Amino acid sequence: MQHNSTRRSNRERSEETREKLIEAARRLFVEKSYAETGTPEIVRAAGVTRGALYHHFADKQALMTAVIEREATIVAHSIERHTLDTTSPTAALIEGGQVYLKAMSEPGRTRLLLLDGPAVLGRARMDEIESRHGNRTLREGLDAAMQVGAIRPLPLDALTGLLAAAFDRAALSIEAGGDSKAHGQALAALIEGLAARA
């Protein structure tokens, strides 16, 4: 029994170290940028050893991937949580869009997911990450709306990609000082424009 308890404790300590590294890296990547942040700074900020860093992550890019994965997961979970009880698939899509813009207003998130992430990891890797998180929620919402005839049947992957790009562009514009309410209204109108005609 003692052996199992020790093993569990080691796993917990390992996970805690990993989280410290991700949190420290996120903070520094946002404050200084990925390029200007060195692994020695991350280790110091996390309060762990260099060996601990390389135990969990092969290199700085792998740590950046973990930061991006966590940010994308937070956004997707936020969308899912806030659209769970929406009354219709179209309302869920509109609400999901508003939640996305709000989630992206978290300081540093737009930069990490829409600027530094693609620059560091490449577009293909970012697309793969997004297909499991934010774009997945959008694709599922569009599919559900098409299934019940709420929106016109259109090529699902193409529509998901185009709408995701519009949401990302809105997030970037808001980050640069644009009117969040205006962007939210415009995105809602785009979704409403997909409504199936009788």
N, C-alpha and C. Protein backbone atom coordinates (compact mmCIF):
# COMPACT_ATOMS: atom_id res chain seq x y z
N MET A 1 0.83 -1.21 0.00
CA MET A 1 0.00 0.00 0.00
C MET A 1 0.86 1.25 0.00
N GLN A 2 1.90 1.22 0.81
CA GLN A 2 2.82 2.37 0.89
C GLN A 2 3.45 2.64 -0.47
N HIS A 3 3.79 1.53 -1.19
CA HIS A 3 4.43 1.66 -2.50
C HIS A 3 3.50 2.38 -3.48
N ASN A 4 2.21 1.99 -3.50
CA ASN A 4 1.24 2.62 -4.39
C ASN A 4 1.05 4.08 -4.05
N SER A 5 1.02 4.38 -2.76
CA SER A 5 0.87 5.76 -2.31
C SER A 5 2.06 6.61 -2.76
N THR A 6 3.26 6.06 -2.67
CA THR A 6 4.46 6.79 -3.10
C THR A 6 4.43 7.03 -4.60
N ARG A 7 4.02 6.00 -5.35
CA ARG A 7 3.95 6.14 -6.81
C ARG A 7 2.97 7.23 -7.20
N ARG A 8 1.82 7.25 -6.56
CA ARG A 8 0.81 8.27 -6.85
C ARG A 8 1.36 9.64 -6.52
N SER A 9 2.04 9.75 -5.42
CA SER A 9 2.63 11.01 -5.01
C SER A 9 3.69 11.48 -6.01
N ASN A 10 4.47 10.55 -6.53
CA ASN A 10 5.47 10.91 -7.54
C ASN A 10 4.79 11.42 -8.81
N ARG A 11 3.70 10.78 -9.19
CA ARG A 11 2.95 11.23 -10.38
C ARG A 11 2.41 12.63 -10.15
N GLU A 12 1.89 12.85 -8.97
CA GLU A 12 1.35 14.18 -8.64
C GLU A 12 2.44 15.24 -8.67
N ARG A 13 3.60 14.89 -8.12
CA ARG A 13 4.72 15.85 -8.13
C ARG A 13 5.18 16.13 -9.55
N SER A 14 5.21 15.09 -10.35
CA SER A 14 5.62 15.24 -11.75
C SER A 14 4.66 16.15 -12.50
N GLU A 15 3.36 15.95 -12.27
CA GLU A 15 2.35 16.77 -12.93
C GLU A 15 2.44 18.23 -12.46
N GLU A 16 2.71 18.40 -11.18
CA GLU A 16 2.86 19.75 -10.63
C GLU A 16 4.05 20.47 -11.27
N THR A 17 5.15 19.76 -11.44
CA THR A 17 6.34 20.33 -12.09
C THR A 17 6.02 20.72 -13.53
N ARG A 18 5.32 19.83 -14.23
CA ARG A 18 4.94 20.11 -15.62
C ARG A 18 4.07 21.36 -15.71
N GLU A 19 3.11 21.49 -14.80
CA GLU A 19 2.22 22.66 -14.80
C GLU A 19 3.00 23.94 -14.49
N LYS A 20 3.94 23.86 -13.57
CA LYS A 20 4.77 25.04 -13.26
C LYS A 20 5.54 25.50 -14.49
N LEU A 21 6.07 24.54 -15.24
CA LEU A 21 6.82 24.88 -16.46
C LEU A 21 5.90 25.51 -17.51
N ILE A 22 4.73 24.97 -17.69
CA ILE A 22 3.80 25.52 -18.67
C ILE A 22 3.37 26.93 -18.28
N GLU A 23 3.06 27.11 -17.00
CA GLU A 23 2.62 28.43 -16.53
C GLU A 23 3.73 29.46 -16.67
N ALA A 24 4.94 29.09 -16.28
CA ALA A 24 6.07 30.01 -16.39
C ALA A 24 6.35 30.35 -17.85
N ALA A 25 6.32 29.34 -18.71
CA ALA A 25 6.56 29.56 -20.13
C ALA A 25 5.49 30.47 -20.73
N ARG A 26 4.24 30.24 -20.38
CA ARG A 26 3.18 31.10 -20.90
C ARG A 26 3.42 32.55 -20.53
N ARG A 27 3.69 32.76 -19.26
CA ARG A 27 3.91 34.13 -18.77
C ARG A 27 5.06 34.80 -19.52
N LEU A 28 6.17 34.09 -19.67
CA LEU A 28 7.33 34.67 -20.34
C LEU A 28 7.11 34.83 -21.84
N PHE A 29 6.45 33.88 -22.47
CA PHE A 29 6.18 33.99 -23.91
C PHE A 29 5.30 35.21 -24.20
N VAL A 30 4.38 35.50 -23.29
CA VAL A 30 3.50 36.66 -23.46
C VAL A 30 4.26 37.95 -23.17
N GLU A 31 5.03 37.95 -22.09
CA GLU A 31 5.76 39.16 -21.69
C GLU A 31 6.87 39.52 -22.67
N LYS A 32 7.62 38.51 -23.11
CA LYS A 32 8.84 38.77 -23.88
C LYS A 32 8.79 38.28 -25.32
N SER A 33 7.94 37.36 -25.62
CA SER A 33 7.81 36.63 -26.88
C SER A 33 8.57 35.32 -26.80
N TYR A 34 8.17 34.39 -27.62
CA TYR A 34 8.81 33.08 -27.66
C TYR A 34 10.28 33.22 -28.02
N ALA A 35 10.57 34.00 -29.04
CA ALA A 35 11.94 34.12 -29.54
C ALA A 35 12.88 34.71 -28.49
N GLU A 36 12.38 35.62 -27.68
CA GLU A 36 13.22 36.32 -26.70
C GLU A 36 13.31 35.62 -25.35
N THR A 37 12.63 34.49 -25.22
CA THR A 37 12.63 33.75 -23.96
C THR A 37 13.55 32.55 -24.07
N GLY A 38 14.47 32.43 -23.12
CA GLY A 38 15.37 31.29 -23.10
C GLY A 38 14.93 30.26 -22.08
N THR A 39 15.33 29.02 -22.29
CA THR A 39 14.94 27.97 -21.34
C THR A 39 15.48 28.21 -19.93
N PRO A 40 16.69 28.81 -19.76
CA PRO A 40 17.14 29.09 -18.38
C PRO A 40 16.17 30.01 -17.63
N GLU A 41 15.59 30.99 -18.34
CA GLU A 41 14.60 31.88 -17.70
C GLU A 41 13.36 31.11 -17.28
N ILE A 42 12.92 30.21 -18.14
CA ILE A 42 11.72 29.43 -17.84
C ILE A 42 11.95 28.57 -16.61
N VAL A 43 13.10 27.94 -16.56
CA VAL A 43 13.45 27.09 -15.41
C VAL A 43 13.46 27.91 -14.13
N ARG A 44 14.09 29.09 -14.18
CA ARG A 44 14.14 29.96 -12.99
C ARG A 44 12.74 30.39 -12.56
N ALA A 45 11.94 30.82 -13.54
CA ALA A 45 10.59 31.30 -13.23
C ALA A 45 9.71 30.19 -12.66
N ALA A 46 9.93 28.97 -13.12
CA ALA A 46 9.14 27.83 -12.64
C ALA A 46 9.65 27.30 -11.31
N GLY A 47 10.89 27.65 -10.96
CA GLY A 47 11.48 27.15 -9.72
C GLY A 47 11.81 25.68 -9.77
N VAL A 48 12.23 25.21 -10.96
CA VAL A 48 12.60 23.79 -11.11
C VAL A 48 13.99 23.70 -11.73
N THR A 49 14.49 22.50 -11.86
CA THR A 49 15.82 22.32 -12.44
C THR A 49 15.74 22.20 -13.96
N ARG A 50 16.87 22.41 -14.60
CA ARG A 50 16.94 22.25 -16.05
C ARG A 50 16.63 20.79 -16.43
N GLY A 51 17.09 19.86 -15.59
CA GLY A 51 16.79 18.45 -15.83
C GLY A 51 15.30 18.18 -15.82
N ALA A 52 14.58 18.87 -14.92
CA ALA A 52 13.12 18.69 -14.86
C ALA A 52 12.47 19.17 -16.15
N LEU A 53 12.97 20.27 -16.70
CA LEU A 53 12.44 20.77 -17.96
C LEU A 53 12.57 19.72 -19.06
N TYR A 54 13.78 19.16 -19.19
CA TYR A 54 14.02 18.21 -20.27
C TYR A 54 13.45 16.81 -19.99
N HIS A 55 13.07 16.58 -18.74
CA HIS A 55 12.35 15.35 -18.43
C HIS A 55 10.94 15.41 -19.03
N HIS A 56 10.35 16.60 -19.00
CA HIS A 56 8.97 16.76 -19.46
C HIS A 56 8.86 17.19 -20.92
N PHE A 57 9.83 17.95 -21.41
CA PHE A 57 9.75 18.52 -22.75
C PHE A 57 11.08 18.36 -23.47
N ALA A 58 11.01 17.94 -24.73
CA ALA A 58 12.24 17.71 -25.50
C ALA A 58 13.01 19.00 -25.74
N ASP A 59 12.28 20.10 -25.92
CA ASP A 59 12.92 21.38 -26.18
C ASP A 59 11.90 22.50 -25.96
N LYS A 60 12.31 23.73 -26.25
CA LYS A 60 11.44 24.88 -26.03
C LYS A 60 10.20 24.81 -26.91
N GLN A 61 10.34 24.31 -28.12
CA GLN A 61 9.19 24.21 -29.02
C GLN A 61 8.15 23.22 -28.47
N ALA A 62 8.61 22.14 -27.87
CA ALA A 62 7.67 21.19 -27.26
C ALA A 62 6.93 21.84 -26.10
N LEU A 63 7.61 22.69 -25.37
CA LEU A 63 6.96 23.42 -24.27
C LEU A 63 5.95 24.41 -24.84
N MET A 64 6.30 25.07 -25.93
CA MET A 64 5.35 25.98 -26.59
C MET A 64 4.11 25.20 -27.05
N THR A 65 4.31 24.00 -27.56
CA THR A 65 3.19 23.18 -27.99
C THR A 65 2.26 22.90 -26.82
N ALA A 66 2.82 22.61 -25.65
CA ALA A 66 2.01 22.35 -24.46
C ALA A 66 1.24 23.58 -24.04
N VAL A 67 1.88 24.75 -24.13
CA VAL A 67 1.20 26.02 -23.81
C VAL A 67 0.02 26.23 -24.76
N ILE A 68 0.26 26.03 -26.05
CA ILE A 68 -0.79 26.23 -27.05
C ILE A 68 -1.93 25.24 -26.84
N GLU A 69 -1.59 23.98 -26.58
CA GLU A 69 -2.62 22.96 -26.33
C GLU A 69 -3.50 23.36 -25.16
N ARG A 70 -2.87 23.84 -24.09
CA ARG A 70 -3.65 24.21 -22.91
C ARG A 70 -4.57 25.40 -23.22
N GLU A 71 -4.05 26.42 -23.90
CA GLU A 71 -4.87 27.59 -24.24
C GLU A 71 -6.04 27.18 -25.13
N ALA A 72 -5.78 26.36 -26.12
CA ALA A 72 -6.84 25.92 -27.04
C ALA A 72 -7.89 25.09 -26.30
N THR A 73 -7.44 24.27 -25.36
CA THR A 73 -8.36 23.46 -24.56
C THR A 73 -9.27 24.34 -23.71
N ILE A 74 -8.69 25.36 -23.10
CA ILE A 74 -9.48 26.28 -22.26
C ILE A 74 -10.57 26.96 -23.09
N VAL A 75 -10.21 27.41 -24.28
CA VAL A 75 -11.18 28.08 -25.16
C VAL A 75 -12.31 27.12 -25.53
N ALA A 76 -11.96 25.91 -25.96
CA ALA A 76 -12.97 24.93 -26.37
C ALA A 76 -13.89 24.56 -25.21
N HIS A 77 -13.32 24.34 -24.03
CA HIS A 77 -14.14 23.99 -22.87
C HIS A 77 -15.09 25.13 -22.49
N SER A 78 -14.61 26.35 -22.63
CA SER A 78 -15.45 27.50 -22.33
C SER A 78 -16.65 27.56 -23.27
N ILE A 79 -16.39 27.33 -24.55
CA ILE A 79 -17.47 27.33 -25.55
C ILE A 79 -18.48 26.22 -25.23
N GLU A 80 -17.98 25.03 -24.96
CA GLU A 80 -18.87 23.90 -24.67
C GLU A 80 -19.71 24.15 -23.42
N ARG A 81 -19.07 24.69 -22.40
CA ARG A 81 -19.77 24.94 -21.12
C ARG A 81 -20.89 25.96 -21.29
N HIS A 82 -20.64 27.00 -22.07
CA HIS A 82 -21.61 28.10 -22.19
C HIS A 82 -22.68 27.85 -23.25
N THR A 83 -22.51 26.84 -24.07
CA THR A 83 -23.53 26.58 -25.10
C THR A 83 -24.32 25.31 -24.81
N LEU A 84 -24.05 24.69 -23.68
CA LEU A 84 -24.68 23.41 -23.34
C LEU A 84 -26.21 23.50 -23.32
N ASP A 85 -26.74 24.58 -22.78
CA ASP A 85 -28.19 24.69 -22.60
C ASP A 85 -28.85 25.65 -23.58
N THR A 86 -28.19 25.94 -24.70
CA THR A 86 -28.79 26.86 -25.66
C THR A 86 -29.99 26.19 -26.33
N THR A 87 -30.93 27.03 -26.74
CA THR A 87 -32.23 26.53 -27.18
C THR A 87 -32.24 25.95 -28.60
N SER A 88 -31.32 26.38 -29.45
CA SER A 88 -31.31 25.88 -30.84
C SER A 88 -29.88 25.81 -31.35
N PRO A 89 -29.62 25.02 -32.38
CA PRO A 89 -28.27 24.94 -32.93
C PRO A 89 -27.75 26.30 -33.43
N THR A 90 -28.63 27.09 -34.02
CA THR A 90 -28.19 28.41 -34.51
C THR A 90 -27.84 29.31 -33.33
N ALA A 91 -28.67 29.29 -32.30
CA ALA A 91 -28.37 30.09 -31.09
C ALA A 91 -27.06 29.63 -30.46
N ALA A 92 -26.81 28.31 -30.49
CA ALA A 92 -25.57 27.78 -29.93
C ALA A 92 -24.36 28.27 -30.73
N LEU A 93 -24.49 28.33 -32.05
CA LEU A 93 -23.39 28.84 -32.88
C LEU A 93 -23.11 30.31 -32.59
N ILE A 94 -24.17 31.09 -32.47
CA ILE A 94 -24.00 32.53 -32.19
C ILE A 94 -23.40 32.72 -30.80
N GLU A 95 -23.94 32.01 -29.82
CA GLU A 95 -23.43 32.11 -28.45
C GLU A 95 -21.98 31.61 -28.39
N GLY A 96 -21.70 30.52 -29.09
CA GLY A 96 -20.33 30.00 -29.13
C GLY A 96 -19.36 31.02 -29.69
N GLY A 97 -19.78 31.76 -30.69
CA GLY A 97 -18.93 32.80 -31.26
C GLY A 97 -18.64 33.92 -30.26
N GLN A 98 -19.67 34.31 -29.52
CA GLN A 98 -19.48 35.36 -28.51
C GLN A 98 -18.55 34.88 -27.39
N VAL A 99 -18.74 33.62 -26.99
CA VAL A 99 -17.89 33.04 -25.95
C VAL A 99 -16.44 32.96 -26.44
N TYR A 100 -16.26 32.60 -27.70
CA TYR A 100 -14.91 32.54 -28.28
C TYR A 100 -14.23 33.90 -28.18
N LEU A 101 -14.93 34.95 -28.59
CA LEU A 101 -14.32 36.29 -28.54
C LEU A 101 -13.98 36.69 -27.10
N LYS A 102 -14.86 36.35 -26.18
CA LYS A 102 -14.60 36.66 -24.76
C LYS A 102 -13.39 35.86 -24.26
N ALA A 103 -13.34 34.58 -24.59
CA ALA A 103 -12.22 33.73 -24.15
C ALA A 103 -10.90 34.23 -24.73
N MET A 104 -10.94 34.73 -25.96
CA MET A 104 -9.72 35.22 -26.60
C MET A 104 -9.26 36.55 -26.04
N SER A 105 -10.10 37.21 -25.24
CA SER A 105 -9.71 38.49 -24.64
C SER A 105 -8.81 38.30 -23.42
N GLU A 106 -8.62 37.06 -22.99
CA GLU A 106 -7.67 36.78 -21.90
C GLU A 106 -6.29 37.27 -22.34
N PRO A 107 -5.64 38.11 -21.53
CA PRO A 107 -4.36 38.69 -21.96
C PRO A 107 -3.36 37.64 -22.45
N GLY A 108 -2.86 37.88 -23.65
CA GLY A 108 -1.84 37.02 -24.23
C GLY A 108 -2.38 35.88 -25.07
N ARG A 109 -3.66 35.55 -24.93
CA ARG A 109 -4.19 34.37 -25.62
C ARG A 109 -4.23 34.54 -27.14
N THR A 110 -4.67 35.70 -27.60
CA THR A 110 -4.73 35.94 -29.05
C THR A 110 -3.33 35.85 -29.64
N ARG A 111 -2.38 36.47 -28.97
CA ARG A 111 -1.00 36.41 -29.46
C ARG A 111 -0.49 34.97 -29.53
N LEU A 112 -0.74 34.20 -28.47
CA LEU A 112 -0.25 32.82 -28.44
C LEU A 112 -0.90 31.96 -29.51
N LEU A 113 -2.24 32.01 -29.60
CA LEU A 113 -2.94 31.10 -30.50
C LEU A 113 -2.96 31.54 -31.96
N LEU A 114 -2.96 32.86 -32.19
CA LEU A 114 -3.14 33.33 -33.56
C LEU A 114 -1.88 33.92 -34.20
N LEU A 115 -0.89 34.27 -33.41
CA LEU A 115 0.33 34.86 -33.98
C LEU A 115 1.55 33.99 -33.73
N ASP A 116 1.94 33.86 -32.46
CA ASP A 116 3.16 33.12 -32.15
C ASP A 116 3.03 31.62 -32.40
N GLY A 117 1.87 31.06 -32.08
CA GLY A 117 1.67 29.63 -32.30
C GLY A 117 1.93 29.22 -33.75
N PRO A 118 1.24 29.84 -34.72
CA PRO A 118 1.50 29.49 -36.12
C PRO A 118 2.94 29.77 -36.56
N ALA A 119 3.53 30.86 -36.04
CA ALA A 119 4.91 31.20 -36.43
C ALA A 119 5.90 30.16 -35.92
N VAL A 120 5.68 29.66 -34.71
CA VAL A 120 6.63 28.72 -34.09
C VAL A 120 6.36 27.28 -34.52
N LEU A 121 5.08 26.89 -34.50
CA LEU A 121 4.74 25.49 -34.75
C LEU A 121 4.42 25.19 -36.21
N GLY A 122 4.11 26.23 -36.96
CA GLY A 122 3.72 26.04 -38.36
C GLY A 122 2.21 25.91 -38.49
N ARG A 123 1.72 26.29 -39.66
CA ARG A 123 0.27 26.30 -39.88
C ARG A 123 -0.34 24.90 -39.78
N ALA A 124 0.35 23.91 -40.34
CA ALA A 124 -0.22 22.55 -40.34
C ALA A 124 -0.40 22.03 -38.91
N ARG A 125 0.59 22.26 -38.05
CA ARG A 125 0.50 21.79 -36.66
C ARG A 125 -0.60 22.54 -35.91
N MET A 126 -0.71 23.86 -36.15
CA MET A 126 -1.77 24.63 -35.51
C MET A 126 -3.15 24.16 -35.97
N ASP A 127 -3.28 23.86 -37.26
CA ASP A 127 -4.56 23.37 -37.77
C ASP A 127 -4.93 22.05 -37.09
N GLU A 128 -3.93 21.21 -36.88
CA GLU A 128 -4.17 19.92 -36.23
C GLU A 128 -4.64 20.13 -34.78
N ILE A 129 -4.00 21.05 -34.09
CA ILE A 129 -4.40 21.36 -32.70
C ILE A 129 -5.82 21.93 -32.68
N GLU A 130 -6.08 22.90 -33.56
CA GLU A 130 -7.40 23.53 -33.59
C GLU A 130 -8.51 22.56 -33.98
N SER A 131 -8.16 21.57 -34.82
CA SER A 131 -9.18 20.60 -35.24
C SER A 131 -9.66 19.75 -34.06
N ARG A 132 -8.88 19.71 -32.98
CA ARG A 132 -9.28 18.97 -31.79
C ARG A 132 -9.91 19.87 -30.72
N HIS A 133 -9.87 21.17 -30.95
CA HIS A 133 -10.35 22.10 -29.92
C HIS A 133 -11.38 23.08 -30.49
N GLY A 134 -10.99 24.34 -30.71
CA GLY A 134 -11.95 25.36 -31.14
C GLY A 134 -12.65 25.05 -32.45
N ASN A 135 -11.91 24.63 -33.45
CA ASN A 135 -12.54 24.32 -34.73
C ASN A 135 -13.43 23.09 -34.63
N ARG A 136 -13.10 22.18 -33.72
CA ARG A 136 -13.95 21.01 -33.50
C ARG A 136 -15.32 21.45 -32.98
N THR A 137 -15.33 22.36 -32.01
CA THR A 137 -16.61 22.81 -31.46
C THR A 137 -17.43 23.53 -32.54
N LEU A 138 -16.77 24.32 -33.37
CA LEU A 138 -17.46 25.02 -34.45
C LEU A 138 -18.01 24.02 -35.47
N ARG A 139 -17.19 23.06 -35.85
CA ARG A 139 -17.61 22.05 -36.84
C ARG A 139 -18.81 21.26 -36.31
N GLU A 140 -18.74 20.86 -35.04
CA GLU A 140 -19.85 20.11 -34.45
C GLU A 140 -21.13 20.94 -34.42
N GLY A 141 -20.98 22.23 -34.10
CA GLY A 141 -22.14 23.12 -34.07
C GLY A 141 -22.77 23.30 -35.43
N LEU A 142 -21.93 23.49 -36.45
CA LEU A 142 -22.43 23.64 -37.82
C LEU A 142 -23.10 22.35 -38.29
N ASP A 143 -22.48 21.22 -37.98
CA ASP A 143 -23.04 19.93 -38.37
C ASP A 143 -24.41 19.73 -37.73
N ALA A 144 -24.52 20.03 -36.44
CA ALA A 144 -25.80 19.88 -35.73
C ALA A 144 -26.87 20.77 -36.35
N ALA A 145 -26.49 22.00 -36.71
CA ALA A 145 -27.45 22.93 -37.31
C ALA A 145 -27.89 22.46 -38.69
N MET A 146 -26.98 21.87 -39.46
CA MET A 146 -27.34 21.33 -40.77
C MET A 146 -28.25 20.11 -40.63
N GLN A 147 -27.95 19.26 -39.64
CA GLN A 147 -28.72 18.02 -39.45
C GLN A 147 -30.20 18.30 -39.20
N VAL A 148 -30.49 19.40 -38.49
CA VAL A 148 -31.90 19.71 -38.19
C VAL A 148 -32.49 20.71 -39.19
N GLY A 149 -31.71 21.07 -40.21
CA GLY A 149 -32.20 21.98 -41.23
C GLY A 149 -32.23 23.44 -40.83
N ALA A 150 -31.51 23.79 -39.76
CA ALA A 150 -31.49 25.18 -39.30
C ALA A 150 -30.65 26.07 -40.22
N ILE A 151 -29.60 25.49 -40.80
CA ILE A 151 -28.80 26.23 -41.78
C ILE A 151 -28.70 25.40 -43.06
N ARG A 152 -28.39 26.09 -44.13
CA ARG A 152 -28.30 25.42 -45.43
C ARG A 152 -27.21 24.36 -45.42
N PRO A 153 -27.41 23.25 -46.12
CA PRO A 153 -26.35 22.24 -46.23
C PRO A 153 -25.23 22.77 -47.13
N LEU A 154 -24.05 22.86 -46.58
CA LEU A 154 -22.88 23.36 -47.29
C LEU A 154 -21.70 22.45 -46.97
N PRO A 155 -20.64 22.48 -47.77
CA PRO A 155 -19.47 21.66 -47.44
C PRO A 155 -18.94 22.00 -46.05
N LEU A 156 -19.02 21.04 -45.15
CA LEU A 156 -18.78 21.29 -43.73
C LEU A 156 -17.36 21.75 -43.42
N ASP A 157 -16.38 21.08 -43.98
CA ASP A 157 -14.99 21.45 -43.70
C ASP A 157 -14.67 22.85 -44.20
N ALA A 158 -15.13 23.16 -45.42
CA ALA A 158 -14.87 24.49 -45.99
C ALA A 158 -15.55 25.58 -45.16
N LEU A 159 -16.80 25.33 -44.78
CA LEU A 159 -17.54 26.31 -43.99
C LEU A 159 -16.89 26.52 -42.62
N THR A 160 -16.48 25.43 -42.00
CA THR A 160 -15.80 25.53 -40.70
C THR A 160 -14.54 26.38 -40.82
N GLY A 161 -13.73 26.10 -41.83
CA GLY A 161 -12.49 26.84 -42.01
C GLY A 161 -12.72 28.32 -42.25
N LEU A 162 -13.70 28.64 -43.08
CA LEU A 162 -13.97 30.05 -43.40
C LEU A 162 -14.52 30.80 -42.19
N LEU A 163 -15.45 30.19 -41.47
CA LEU A 163 -15.99 30.85 -40.28
C LEU A 163 -14.93 30.98 -39.18
N ALA A 164 -14.12 29.95 -39.01
CA ALA A 164 -13.04 30.01 -38.02
C ALA A 164 -12.10 31.17 -38.35
N ALA A 165 -11.80 31.34 -39.63
CA ALA A 165 -10.92 32.45 -40.04
C ALA A 165 -11.56 33.80 -39.71
N ALA A 166 -12.88 33.89 -39.90
CA ALA A 166 -13.57 35.14 -39.57
C ALA A 166 -13.53 35.42 -38.06
N PHE A 167 -13.74 34.37 -37.27
CA PHE A 167 -13.66 34.54 -35.82
C PHE A 167 -12.25 34.93 -35.38
N ASP A 168 -11.25 34.30 -35.97
CA ASP A 168 -9.86 34.63 -35.62
C ASP A 168 -9.54 36.07 -36.00
N ARG A 169 -10.00 36.49 -37.18
CA ARG A 169 -9.74 37.87 -37.63
C ARG A 169 -10.40 38.86 -36.69
N ALA A 170 -11.61 38.54 -36.24
CA ALA A 170 -12.30 39.41 -35.28
C ALA A 170 -11.51 39.50 -33.98
N ALA A 171 -11.01 38.36 -33.48
CA ALA A 171 -10.23 38.35 -32.24
C ALA A 171 -8.97 39.21 -32.38
N LEU A 172 -8.31 39.12 -33.51
CA LEU A 172 -7.11 39.94 -33.75
C LEU A 172 -7.45 41.42 -33.80
N SER A 173 -8.56 41.74 -34.44
CA SER A 173 -8.98 43.14 -34.54
C SER A 173 -9.34 43.71 -33.17
N ILE A 174 -10.06 42.91 -32.37
CA ILE A 174 -10.42 43.35 -31.02
C ILE A 174 -9.17 43.53 -30.17
N GLU A 175 -8.23 42.60 -30.30
CA GLU A 175 -6.96 42.70 -29.57
C GLU A 175 -6.23 44.01 -29.90
N ALA A 176 -6.38 44.46 -31.16
CA ALA A 176 -5.72 45.69 -31.60
C ALA A 176 -6.53 46.94 -31.26
N GLY A 177 -7.64 46.77 -30.55
CA GLY A 177 -8.43 47.93 -30.12
C GLY A 177 -9.77 48.07 -30.82
N GLY A 178 -10.13 47.10 -31.66
CA GLY A 178 -11.41 47.16 -32.37
C GLY A 178 -12.61 46.99 -31.43
N ASP A 179 -13.76 47.36 -31.92
CA ASP A 179 -15.01 47.32 -31.15
C ASP A 179 -15.51 45.87 -31.04
N SER A 180 -15.45 45.30 -29.86
CA SER A 180 -15.84 43.90 -29.68
C SER A 180 -17.32 43.69 -29.95
N LYS A 181 -18.16 44.67 -29.56
CA LYS A 181 -19.60 44.54 -29.78
C LYS A 181 -19.91 44.52 -31.28
N ALA A 182 -19.26 45.40 -32.03
CA ALA A 182 -19.49 45.46 -33.48
C ALA A 182 -19.06 44.16 -34.15
N HIS A 183 -17.92 43.63 -33.73
CA HIS A 183 -17.45 42.38 -34.31
C HIS A 183 -18.39 41.22 -33.96
N GLY A 184 -18.86 41.21 -32.72
CA GLY A 184 -19.80 40.17 -32.31
C GLY A 184 -21.09 40.23 -33.12
N GLN A 185 -21.59 41.45 -33.37
CA GLN A 185 -22.82 41.60 -34.16
C GLN A 185 -22.61 41.13 -35.60
N ALA A 186 -21.46 41.48 -36.16
CA ALA A 186 -21.18 41.09 -37.55
C ALA A 186 -21.06 39.57 -37.68
N LEU A 187 -20.40 38.94 -36.71
CA LEU A 187 -20.26 37.49 -36.76
C LEU A 187 -21.61 36.79 -36.58
N ALA A 188 -22.44 37.33 -35.69
CA ALA A 188 -23.78 36.76 -35.51
C ALA A 188 -24.58 36.87 -36.81
N ALA A 189 -24.43 38.00 -37.51
CA ALA A 189 -25.14 38.19 -38.78
C ALA A 189 -24.66 37.19 -39.83
N LEU A 190 -23.35 36.89 -39.82
CA LEU A 190 -22.83 35.88 -40.75
C LEU A 190 -23.50 34.53 -40.52
N ILE A 191 -23.62 34.15 -39.27
CA ILE A 191 -24.25 32.86 -38.94
C ILE A 191 -25.73 32.87 -39.29
N GLU A 192 -26.41 33.97 -38.94
CA GLU A 192 -27.84 34.08 -39.27
C GLU A 192 -28.05 34.02 -40.78
N GLY A 193 -27.09 34.51 -41.53
CA GLY A 193 -27.18 34.49 -42.99
C GLY A 193 -27.12 33.09 -43.58
N LEU A 194 -26.69 32.13 -42.78
CA LEU A 194 -26.64 30.73 -43.24
C LEU A 194 -27.98 30.02 -43.07
N ALA A 195 -28.95 30.70 -42.48
CA ALA A 195 -30.23 30.06 -42.17
C ALA A 195 -30.84 29.46 -43.44
N ALA A 196 -31.42 28.30 -43.27
CA ALA A 196 -32.09 27.64 -44.39
C ALA A 196 -33.34 28.44 -44.78
N ARG A 197 -33.53 28.61 -46.06
CA ARG A 197 -34.71 29.34 -46.55
C ARG A 197 -35.85 28.35 -46.79
N ALA A 198 -37.03 28.77 -46.41
CA ALA A 198 -38.20 27.88 -46.60
C ALA A 198 -38.54 27.75 -48.08
